[in-house]
C-alpha atoms as a PDB file:
ATOM      1  CA  MET A   1      18.345  11.418  10.873  1.00  0.00           C
ATOM      2  CA  ASN A   2      15.376   9.280  11.969  1.00  0.00           C
ATOM      3  CA  PHE A   3      12.992  11.974  10.686  1.00  0.00           C
ATOM      4  CA  ILE A   4      14.593  11.794   7.210  1.00  0.00           C
ATOM      5  CA  LYS A   5      14.513   7.985   7.273  1.00  0.00           C
ATOM      6  CA  ASP A   6      10.825   8.072   8.186  1.00  0.00           C
ATOM      7  CA  ILE A   7      10.123  10.419   5.255  1.00  0.00           C
ATOM      8  CA  LEU A   8      11.896   7.949   2.941  1.00  0.00           C
ATOM      9  CA  ARG A   9       9.859   5.101   4.432  1.00  0.00           C
ATOM     10  CA  GLY A  10       6.686   7.100   3.888  1.00  0.00           C
ATOM     11  CA  ALA A  11       7.651   7.770   0.261  1.00  0.00           C
ATOM     12  CA  LEU A  12       7.948   4.023  -0.376  1.00  0.00           C
ATOM     13  CA  ILE A  13       4.567   3.412   1.289  1.00  0.00           C
ATOM     14  CA  GLY A  14       2.975   6.133  -0.851  1.00  0.00           C
ATOM     15  CA  LEU A  15       4.514   4.701  -4.016  1.00  0.00           C
ATOM     16  CA  ALA A  16       3.307   1.212  -3.153  1.00  0.00           C
ATOM     17  CA  ASN A  17      -0.249   2.416  -2.519  1.00  0.00           C
ATOM     18  CA  ALA A  18      -0.364   4.190  -5.899  1.00  0.00           C
ATOM     19  CA  ILE A  19       0.759   1.189  -7.984  1.00  0.00           C
ATOM     20  CA  PRO A  20      -1.657  -1.677  -8.745  1.00  0.00           C
ATOM     21  CA  GLY A  21      -0.372  -4.990  -7.411  1.00  0.00           C
ATOM     22  CA  VAL A  22       1.920  -3.422  -4.789  1.00  0.00           C
ATOM     23  CA  SER A  23       0.850  -3.023  -1.149  1.00  0.00           C
ATOM     24  CA  GLY A  24       1.638  -0.123   1.159  1.00  0.00           C
ATOM     25  CA  GLY A  25       0.969  -2.354   4.169  1.00  0.00           C
ATOM     26  CA  THR A  26       3.605  -4.785   2.906  1.00  0.00           C
ATOM     27  CA  MET A  27       6.133  -1.951   2.719  1.00  0.00           C
ATOM     28  CA  MET A  28       5.331  -1.033   6.338  1.00  0.00           C
ATOM     29  CA  VAL A  29       5.968  -4.608   7.477  1.00  0.00           C
ATOM     30  CA  SER A  30       9.157  -5.020   5.435  1.00  0.00           C
ATOM     31  CA  MET A  31      10.601  -1.844   6.974  1.00  0.00           C
ATOM     32  CA  GLY A  32       9.658  -2.861  10.521  1.00  0.00           C
ATOM     33  CA  ILE A  33       7.288   0.049  11.165  1.00  0.00           C
ATOM     34  CA  TYR A  34       3.892  -1.665  10.835  1.00  0.00           C
ATOM     35  CA  ASP A  35       3.195  -2.047  14.569  1.00  0.00           C
ATOM     36  CA  LYS A  36       4.367   1.510  15.291  1.00  0.00           C
ATOM     37  CA  ILE A  37       2.100   3.058  12.647  1.00  0.00           C
ATOM     38  CA  ILE A  38      -0.910   0.950  13.686  1.00  0.00           C
ATOM     39  CA  SER A  39      -0.387   1.948  17.335  1.00  0.00           C
ATOM     40  CA  SER A  40      -0.042   5.647  16.443  1.00  0.00           C
ATOM     41  CA  VAL A  41      -3.246   5.598  14.381  1.00  0.00           C
ATOM     42  CA  THR A  42      -5.297   3.828  17.067  1.00  0.00           C
ATOM     43  CA  ASN A  43      -4.045   6.221  19.782  1.00  0.00           C
ATOM     44  CA  ILE A  44      -4.562   9.377  17.717  1.00  0.00           C
ATOM     45  CA  PHE A  45      -7.245  10.694  20.129  1.00  0.00           C
ATOM     46  CA  ARG A  46      -5.767   9.506  23.453  1.00  0.00           C
ATOM     47  CA  GLN A  47      -2.154  10.519  22.719  1.00  0.00           C
ATOM     48  CA  TRP A  48      -2.704  12.922  19.854  1.00  0.00           C
ATOM     49  CA  LYS A  49       0.560  14.864  20.170  1.00  0.00           C
ATOM     50  CA  LYS A  50       2.781  11.768  20.279  1.00  0.00           C
ATOM     51  CA  SER A  51       0.799  10.072  17.499  1.00  0.00           C
ATOM     52  CA  LEU A  52       0.899  13.108  15.217  1.00  0.00           C
ATOM     53  CA  LEU A  53       4.653  13.543  15.708  1.00  0.00           C
ATOM     54  CA  THR A  54       5.149   9.870  14.862  1.00  0.00           C
ATOM     55  CA  LEU A  55       2.882   9.944  11.795  1.00  0.00           C
ATOM     56  CA  LEU A  56       3.989  13.345  10.423  1.00  0.00           C
ATOM     57  CA  PRO A  57       7.180  12.247   8.584  1.00  0.00           C
ATOM     58  CA  TYR A  58       5.401   9.207   7.136  1.00  0.00           C
ATOM     59  CA  ALA A  59       2.552  11.444   5.912  1.00  0.00           C
ATOM     60  CA  ILE A  60       5.042  13.868   4.317  1.00  0.00           C
ATOM     61  CA  GLY A  61       6.843  10.977   2.646  1.00  0.00           C
ATOM     62  CA  MET A  62       3.596   9.418   1.399  1.00  0.00           C
ATOM     63  CA  GLY A  63       2.550  12.718  -0.159  1.00  0.00           C
ATOM     64  CA  LEU A  64       5.924  13.065  -1.872  1.00  0.00           C
ATOM     65  CA  GLY A  65       5.842   9.440  -2.996  1.00  0.00           C
ATOM     66  CA  ILE A  66       2.347   9.602  -4.475  1.00  0.00           C
ATOM     67  CA  VAL A  67       2.588  13.039  -6.109  1.00  0.00           C
ATOM     68  CA  GLY A  68       6.276  13.268  -6.947  1.00  0.00           C
ATOM     69  CA  LEU A  69       7.427   9.746  -7.788  1.00  0.00           C
ATOM     70  CA  SER A  70       4.435   7.630  -8.833  1.00  0.00           C
ATOM     71  CA  PHE A  71       4.602   8.910 -12.429  1.00  0.00           C
ATOM     72  CA  ALA A  72       8.260   7.888 -12.668  1.00  0.00           C
ATOM     73  CA  ILE A  73       7.546   4.425 -11.262  1.00  0.00           C
ATOM     74  CA  GLU A  74       4.581   4.015 -13.609  1.00  0.00           C
ATOM     75  CA  TYR A  75       6.902   4.862 -16.530  1.00  0.00           C
ATOM     76  CA  LEU A  76       9.469   2.328 -15.295  1.00  0.00           C
ATOM     77  CA  PHE A  77       6.823  -0.401 -14.931  1.00  0.00           C
ATOM     78  CA  ASP A  78       5.610   0.317 -18.481  1.00  0.00           C
ATOM     79  CA  ASN A  79       9.061   0.435 -20.095  1.00  0.00           C
ATOM     80  CA  HIS A  80      11.277  -1.666 -17.786  1.00  0.00           C
ATOM     81  CA  PRO A  81       8.831  -4.015 -16.018  1.00  0.00           C
ATOM     82  CA  MET A  82      11.221  -6.758 -14.894  1.00  0.00           C
ATOM     83  CA  PRO A  83      13.906  -4.612 -13.160  1.00  0.00           C
ATOM     84  CA  THR A  84      11.207  -2.429 -11.567  1.00  0.00           C
ATOM     85  CA  ALA A  85       9.187  -5.421 -10.361  1.00  0.00           C
ATOM     86  CA  PHE A  86      12.274  -7.042  -8.843  1.00  0.00           C
ATOM     87  CA  ALA A  87      13.193  -3.801  -7.065  1.00  0.00           C
ATOM     88  CA  PHE A  88       9.838  -3.948  -5.248  1.00  0.00           C
ATOM     89  CA  ILE A  89      10.250  -7.687  -4.618  1.00  0.00           C
ATOM     90  CA  GLY A  90      13.610  -6.933  -2.997  1.00  0.00           C
ATOM     91  CA  LEU A  91      11.946  -4.283  -0.839  1.00  0.00           C
ATOM     92  CA  ILE A  92       9.364  -6.849   0.290  1.00  0.00           C
ATOM     93  CA  LEU A  93      11.719  -9.766   0.933  1.00  0.00           C
ATOM     94  CA  GLY A  94      14.201  -7.526   2.736  1.00  0.00           C
ATOM     95  CA  GLY A  95      11.759  -7.385   5.639  1.00  0.00           C
ATOM     96  CA  LEU A  96      11.155 -11.139   5.935  1.00  0.00           C
ATOM     97  CA  PRO A  97      13.960 -11.778   8.485  1.00  0.00           C
ATOM     98  CA  MET A  98      12.251  -9.298  10.817  1.00  0.00           C
ATOM     99  CA  MET A  99       8.883 -11.009  10.254  1.00  0.00           C
ATOM    100  CA  PHE A 100      10.295 -14.463  11.013  1.00  0.00           C
ATOM    101  CA  GLY A 101      11.817 -13.006  14.174  1.00  0.00           C
ATOM    102  CA  LYS A 102       8.360 -11.929  15.371  1.00  0.00           C
ATOM    103  CA  ILE A 103       6.874 -15.384  14.753  1.00  0.00           C
ATOM    104  CA  LYS A 104       9.863 -17.320  16.095  1.00  0.00           C
ATOM    105  CA  GLY A 105       9.047 -16.655  19.739  1.00  0.00           C
ATOM    106  CA  ASN A 106       5.502 -18.025  19.443  1.00  0.00           C
ATOM    107  CA  LYS A 107       4.370 -21.638  19.658  1.00  0.00           C
ATOM    108  CA  LEU A 108       3.124 -22.642  16.213  1.00  0.00           C
ATOM    109  CA  ASN A 109       0.493 -25.271  15.421  1.00  0.00           C
ATOM    110  CA  ILE A 110      -1.490 -26.539  12.438  1.00  0.00           C
ATOM    111  CA  GLY A 111      -3.803 -23.532  12.748  1.00  0.00           C
ATOM    112  CA  ASN A 112      -0.922 -21.217  11.863  1.00  0.00           C
ATOM    113  CA  GLY A 113      -0.245 -23.261   8.728  1.00  0.00           C
ATOM    114  CA  VAL A 114      -3.907 -23.252   7.675  1.00  0.00           C
ATOM    115  CA  ILE A 115      -4.171 -19.477   8.159  1.00  0.00           C
ATOM    116  CA  PHE A 116      -0.929 -18.937   6.232  1.00  0.00           C
ATOM    117  CA  VAL A 117      -2.200 -21.004   3.256  1.00  0.00           C
ATOM    118  CA  LEU A 118      -5.646 -19.353   3.253  1.00  0.00           C
ATOM    119  CA  PHE A 119      -4.259 -15.823   3.163  1.00  0.00           C
ATOM    120  CA  PHE A 120      -1.577 -16.829   0.643  1.00  0.00           C
ATOM    121  CA  ALA A 121      -4.361 -18.138  -1.638  1.00  0.00           C
ATOM    122  CA  PHE A 122      -6.498 -15.041  -0.978  1.00  0.00           C
ATOM    123  CA  ILE A 123      -3.974 -12.828  -2.780  1.00  0.00           C
ATOM    124  CA  PHE A 124      -4.159 -15.036  -5.880  1.00  0.00           C
ATOM    125  CA  LEU A 125      -7.957 -14.882  -5.720  1.00  0.00           C
ATOM    126  CA  LEU A 126      -7.739 -11.086  -5.805  1.00  0.00           C
ATOM    127  CA  GLN A 127      -5.393 -11.296  -8.785  1.00  0.00           C
ATOM    128  CA  TRP A 128      -7.896 -13.540 -10.591  1.00  0.00           C
ATOM    129  CA  LEU A 129     -10.724 -11.138  -9.805  1.00  0.00           C
ATOM    130  CA  ASN A 130      -8.553  -8.306 -11.120  1.00  0.00           C
ATOM    131  CA  GLY A 131      -9.141  -9.695 -14.611  1.00  0.00           C
ATOM    132  CA  LYS A 132     -12.849  -9.003 -14.102  1.00  0.00           C
ATOM    133  CA  ASN A 133     -12.639  -5.281 -13.380  1.00  0.00           C
ATOM    134  CA  ALA A 134     -15.845  -3.281 -13.252  1.00  0.00           C
ATOM    135  CA  ALA A 135     -16.290  -0.565 -15.878  1.00  0.00           C
ATOM    136  CA  ASP A 136     -14.898   2.794 -14.789  1.00  0.00           C
ATOM    137  CA  VAL A 137     -17.491   5.036 -13.176  1.00  0.00           C
ATOM    138  CA  THR A 138     -18.000   8.733 -13.906  1.00  0.00           C
ATOM    139  CA  LEU A 139     -17.471  10.959 -10.873  1.00  0.00           C
ATOM    140  CA  VAL A 140     -20.178  13.605 -10.499  1.00  0.00           C
ATOM    141  CA  LEU A 141     -21.396  15.859  -7.694  1.00  0.00           C
ATOM    142  CA  SER A 142     -24.459  14.006  -6.396  1.00  0.00           C
ATOM    143  CA  ALA A 143     -25.677  12.481  -3.123  1.00  0.00           C
ATOM    144  CA  PRO A 144     -25.553   8.847  -4.385  1.00  0.00           C
ATOM    145  CA  MET A 145     -22.002   9.333  -5.714  1.00  0.00           C
ATOM    146  CA  PHE A 146     -21.004  11.014  -2.425  1.00  0.00           C
ATOM    147  CA  ILE A 147     -22.133   7.893  -0.519  1.00  0.00           C
ATOM    148  CA  ARG A 148     -20.438   5.516  -2.988  1.00  0.00           C
ATOM    149  CA  LEU A 149     -17.165   7.448  -2.842  1.00  0.00           C
ATOM    150  CA  PHE A 150     -17.247   7.429   0.957  1.00  0.00           C
ATOM    151  CA  PHE A 151     -17.576   3.633   1.138  1.00  0.00           C
ATOM    152  CA  VAL A 152     -15.016   3.146  -1.637  1.00  0.00           C
ATOM    153  CA  GLY A 153     -12.659   5.294   0.466  1.00  0.00           C
ATOM    154  CA  VAL A 154     -13.274   3.050   3.497  1.00  0.00           C
ATOM    155  CA  ILE A 155     -12.505  -0.063   1.418  1.00  0.00           C
ATOM    156  CA  ALA A 156      -9.406   1.568  -0.076  1.00  0.00           C
ATOM    157  CA  ALA A 157      -8.201   2.495   3.424  1.00  0.00           C
ATOM    158  CA  ALA A 158      -8.592  -1.085   4.627  1.00  0.00           C
ATOM    159  CA  THR A 159      -6.471  -2.367   1.747  1.00  0.00           C
ATOM    160  CA  MET A 160      -3.837   0.315   2.385  1.00  0.00           C
ATOM    161  CA  VAL A 161      -3.402  -0.932   5.957  1.00  0.00           C
ATOM    162  CA  ILE A 162      -3.613  -4.705   5.354  1.00  0.00           C
ATOM    163  CA  PRO A 163      -0.251  -6.107   4.153  1.00  0.00           C
ATOM    164  CA  GLY A 164      -0.206  -7.864   0.795  1.00  0.00           C
ATOM    165  CA  VAL A 165      -3.476  -6.353  -0.438  1.00  0.00           C
ATOM    166  CA  SER A 166      -3.105  -3.666  -3.105  1.00  0.00           C
ATOM    167  CA  GLY A 167      -5.428  -0.723  -2.578  1.00  0.00           C
ATOM    168  CA  SER A 168      -5.016   0.292  -6.220  1.00  0.00           C
ATOM    169  CA  MET A 169      -5.990  -3.208  -7.361  1.00  0.00           C
ATOM    170  CA  ILE A 170      -9.165  -3.111  -5.247  1.00  0.00           C
ATOM    171  CA  LEU A 171     -10.068   0.306  -6.695  1.00  0.00           C
ATOM    172  CA  MET A 172      -9.624  -1.205 -10.170  1.00  0.00           C
ATOM    173  CA  LEU A 173     -11.977  -4.052  -9.261  1.00  0.00           C
ATOM    174  CA  LEU A 174     -14.589  -1.498  -8.203  1.00  0.00           C
ATOM    175  CA  GLY A 175     -14.058   0.689 -11.284  1.00  0.00           C
ATOM    176  CA  PHE A 176     -12.808   3.683  -9.285  1.00  0.00           C
ATOM    177  CA  TYR A 177      -9.013   3.576  -9.808  1.00  0.00           C
ATOM    178  CA  THR A 178      -8.772   5.588 -13.043  1.00  0.00           C
ATOM    179  CA  PRO A 179     -11.538   8.090 -12.093  1.00  0.00           C
ATOM    180  CA  VAL A 180      -9.931   8.826  -8.695  1.00  0.00           C
ATOM    181  CA  ILE A 181      -6.422   9.171 -10.188  1.00  0.00           C
ATOM    182  CA  GLU A 182      -7.797  11.465 -12.914  1.00  0.00           C
ATOM    183  CA  ALA A 183      -9.657  13.537 -10.308  1.00  0.00           C
ATOM    184  CA  VAL A 184      -6.443  13.996  -8.294  1.00  0.00           C
ATOM    185  CA  THR A 185      -4.517  14.942 -11.450  1.00  0.00           C
ATOM    186  CA  THR A 186      -7.248  17.383 -12.520  1.00  0.00           C
ATOM    187  CA  THR A 187      -7.232  18.962  -9.048  1.00  0.00           C
ATOM    188  CA  ILE A 188      -3.464  19.548  -9.205  1.00  0.00           C
ATOM    189  CA  LYS A 189      -3.700  20.961 -12.752  1.00  0.00           C
ATOM    190  CA  ALA A 190      -6.582  23.258 -11.761  1.00  0.00           C
ATOM    191  CA  LEU A 191      -4.596  24.615  -8.816  1.00  0.00           C
ATOM    192  CA  ALA A 192      -1.471  25.079 -10.937  1.00  0.00           C
ATOM    193  CA  GLY A 193      -3.533  26.859 -13.611  1.00  0.00           C
ATOM    194  CA  ARG A 194      -5.312  29.034 -11.006  1.00  0.00           C
ATOM    195  CA  ASP A 195      -8.662  27.579 -12.034  1.00  0.00           C
ATOM    196  CA  PHE A 196     -10.115  27.916  -8.544  1.00  0.00           C
ATOM    197  CA  GLY A 197     -13.638  27.008  -9.630  1.00  0.00           C
ATOM    198  CA  GLY A 198     -12.421  23.739 -11.131  1.00  0.00           C
ATOM    199  CA  PHE A 199     -10.191  23.156  -8.104  1.00  0.00           C
ATOM    200  CA  ILE A 200     -13.100  23.519  -5.643  1.00  0.00           C
ATOM    201  CA  ASN A 201     -15.317  21.312  -7.821  1.00  0.00           C
ATOM    202  CA  GLN A 202     -12.731  18.493  -7.859  1.00  0.00           C
ATOM    203  CA  CYS A 203     -12.089  18.868  -4.121  1.00  0.00           C
ATOM    204  CA  LEU A 204     -15.822  18.447  -3.438  1.00  0.00           C
ATOM    205  CA  ILE A 205     -15.803  15.270  -5.545  1.00  0.00           C
ATOM    206  CA  LEU A 206     -12.757  13.883  -3.700  1.00  0.00           C
ATOM    207  CA  LEU A 207     -13.932  14.975  -0.218  1.00  0.00           C
ATOM    208  CA  PRO A 208     -16.121  11.900   0.522  1.00  0.00           C
ATOM    209  CA  PHE A 209     -13.376   9.573  -0.702  1.00  0.00           C
ATOM    210  CA  GLY A 210     -10.863  11.287   1.601  1.00  0.00           C
ATOM    211  CA  LEU A 211     -13.242  11.094   4.575  1.00  0.00           C
ATOM    212  CA  GLY A 212     -13.771   7.395   3.901  1.00  0.00           C
ATOM    213  CA  VAL A 213     -10.023   6.816   3.775  1.00  0.00           C
ATOM    214  CA  LEU A 214      -9.423   8.577   7.119  1.00  0.00           C
ATOM    215  CA  ILE A 215     -12.255   6.775   8.922  1.00  0.00           C
ATOM    216  CA  GLY A 216     -11.368   3.436   7.321  1.00  0.00           C
ATOM    217  CA  ILE A 217      -7.699   3.647   8.310  1.00  0.00           C
ATOM    218  CA  TYR A 218      -8.628   4.372  11.940  1.00  0.00           C
ATOM    219  CA  TYR A 219     -11.119   1.530  12.381  1.00  0.00           C
ATOM    220  CA  VAL A 220      -9.149  -1.063  10.401  1.00  0.00           C
ATOM    221  CA  ALA A 221      -6.051  -0.165  12.437  1.00  0.00           C
ATOM    222  CA  LYS A 222      -8.096  -0.679  15.640  1.00  0.00           C
ATOM    223  CA  LEU A 223      -9.173  -4.117  14.381  1.00  0.00           C
ATOM    224  CA  ILE A 224      -5.617  -5.141  13.483  1.00  0.00           C
ATOM    225  CA  GLU A 225      -4.286  -3.914  16.841  1.00  0.00           C
ATOM    226  CA  MET A 226      -6.925  -6.031  18.609  1.00  0.00           C
ATOM    227  CA  LEU A 227      -5.974  -9.089  16.527  1.00  0.00           C
ATOM    228  CA  LEU A 228      -2.263  -8.565  17.247  1.00  0.00           C
ATOM    229  CA  ASN A 229      -2.956  -8.280  20.979  1.00  0.00           C
ATOM    230  CA  ARG A 230      -5.274 -11.303  21.225  1.00  0.00           C
ATOM    231  CA  PHE A 231      -4.100 -13.612  18.434  1.00  0.00           C
ATOM    232  CA  GLU A 232      -0.530 -12.510  17.748  1.00  0.00           C
ATOM    233  CA  SER A 233       0.868 -15.702  16.175  1.00  0.00           C
ATOM    234  CA  TYR A 234      -2.220 -16.282  13.994  1.00  0.00           C
ATOM    235  CA  THR A 235      -2.249 -12.647  12.860  1.00  0.00           C
ATOM    236  CA  TYR A 236       1.427 -12.748  11.906  1.00  0.00           C
ATOM    237  CA  SER A 237       0.837 -16.062  10.088  1.00  0.00           C
ATOM    238  CA  ALA A 238      -1.870 -14.329   8.036  1.00  0.00           C
ATOM    239  CA  ILE A 239       0.389 -11.328   7.372  1.00  0.00           C
ATOM    240  CA  LEU A 240       3.243 -13.637   6.344  1.00  0.00           C
ATOM    241  CA  GLY A 241       0.959 -15.466   3.898  1.00  0.00           C
ATOM    242  CA  LEU A 242      -0.103 -12.165   2.345  1.00  0.00           C
ATOM    243  CA  ILE A 243       3.477 -10.923   2.077  1.00  0.00           C
ATOM    244  CA  ILE A 244       5.033 -14.086   0.607  1.00  0.00           C
ATOM    245  CA  ALA A 245       2.306 -14.158  -2.074  1.00  0.00           C
ATOM    246  CA  SER A 246       3.001 -10.525  -3.019  1.00  0.00           C
ATOM    247  CA  PRO A 247       6.140 -11.104  -5.177  1.00  0.00           C
ATOM    248  CA  PHE A 248       4.259 -13.592  -7.376  1.00  0.00           C
ATOM    249  CA  VAL A 249       1.417 -11.116  -7.866  1.00  0.00           C
ATOM    250  CA  ILE A 250       3.819  -8.264  -8.678  1.00  0.00           C
ATOM    251  CA  ILE A 251       5.460 -10.404 -11.384  1.00  0.00           C
ATOM    252  CA  MET A 252       2.071 -11.319 -12.871  1.00  0.00           C
ATOM    253  CA  GLN A 253       0.873  -7.713 -12.699  1.00  0.00           C
ATOM    254  CA  ALA A 254       4.053  -6.375 -14.356  1.00  0.00           C
ATOM    255  CA  GLY A 255       3.437  -8.311 -17.599  1.00  0.00           C
ATOM    256  CA  ILE A 256       7.090  -9.294 -18.062  1.00  0.00           C
ATOM    257  CA  THR A 257       7.846 -10.436 -21.627  1.00  0.00           C
ATOM    258  CA  SER A 258      11.613  -9.894 -22.025  1.00  0.00           C
ATOM    259  CA  PHE A 259      14.090 -12.350 -20.495  1.00  0.00           C
ATOM    260  CA  GLN A 260      17.321 -11.123 -22.069  1.00  0.00           C
ATOM    261  CA  VAL A 261      20.540 -11.731 -20.144  1.00  0.00           C
ATOM    262  CA  SER A 262      21.102  -7.994 -19.652  1.00  0.00           C
ATOM    263  CA  THR A 263      17.556  -7.593 -18.288  1.00  0.00           C
ATOM    264  CA  ILE A 264      18.054 -10.489 -15.864  1.00  0.00           C
ATOM    265  CA  ILE A 265      21.365  -9.024 -14.617  1.00  0.00           C
ATOM    266  CA  ILE A 266      19.835  -5.568 -14.116  1.00  0.00           C
ATOM    267  CA  SER A 267      16.860  -7.168 -12.352  1.00  0.00           C
ATOM    268  CA  ALA A 268      19.217  -9.011  -9.989  1.00  0.00           C
ATOM    269  CA  LEU A 269      20.911  -5.695  -9.191  1.00  0.00           C
ATOM    270  CA  THR A 270      17.611  -3.887  -8.589  1.00  0.00           C
ATOM    271  CA  PHE A 271      16.461  -6.789  -6.402  1.00  0.00           C
ATOM    272  CA  GLY A 272      19.646  -6.484  -4.321  1.00  0.00           C
ATOM    273  CA  ALA A 273      19.241  -2.721  -4.090  1.00  0.00           C
ATOM    274  CA  GLY A 274      15.628  -3.074  -2.952  1.00  0.00           C
ATOM    275  CA  PHE A 275      16.591  -5.712  -0.382  1.00  0.00           C
ATOM    276  CA  CYS A 276      19.341  -3.461   1.027  1.00  0.00           C
ATOM    277  CA  VAL A 277      17.029  -0.428   1.163  1.00  0.00           C
ATOM    278  CA  ALA A 278      14.420  -2.432   3.104  1.00  0.00           C
ATOM    279  CA  TYR A 279      17.114  -3.682   5.478  1.00  0.00           C
ATOM    280  CA  PHE A 280      18.521  -0.169   5.995  1.00  0.00           C
ATOM    281  CA  LEU A 281      15.113   1.453   6.512  1.00  0.00           C
ATOM    282  CA  GLY A 282      14.047  -1.421   8.765  1.00  0.00           C
ATOM    283  CA  ARG A 283      16.795  -0.566  11.244  1.00  0.00           C
ATOM    284  CA  GLU A 284      16.151   2.029  13.907  1.00  0.00           C
END
């Protein structure tokens, strides 16, 4: 049962990482699995068997979420933005009671408040910068592009792990979101069409990005684990600021224009459903 629940959790994380404005790290926190995943990643070499068994269902779920469900969610955001946005907001807010429980046992001071406000504002700064996206790049097989893709992968990995920060949004800022998504889609189509030459070509283009993601996740997870061990209350204050800002950013990113009574009612229902799902998946 726990294995199935972890796959479902992974699917939500994968979905969140694929959608601009939504954060996979936030989903981890809201479902109460952030610390466990960070610990498993940082101990992947020392306790590789235990770490791999812990991460396996999440990895399966993330793959299913990104490949199998992201197109459906993208359609829902395009055609039913308000109910879809509020479903994700419910998923985020459903984990807040658990977050407050982690902070409650610590002595808080003005520093916690300052850190909370700074990281809350940081998310809105990213949203403002999102309106100044770089032009999309063209992915080609070359040494300079290999290096760029590697470092873009590292940056994307960092934003996947940090709650409240959308990896997809950062890729948009850098001009790599659409090219990377198109490369993944082309790879899948080439494999399905038995175009093995095209498949290998796309894999070689995506290889440096994938390496950057793997290395970035490991080292960013090590940094976050160190911060949680040494500055627990300040780190959770920062995470809380990032998470509480996320619903506002999701609403802005969704481009909601319809406020009909029926839409509001459906949005309230999707919010409640998202909240309940986060609560259910947050329980062991």
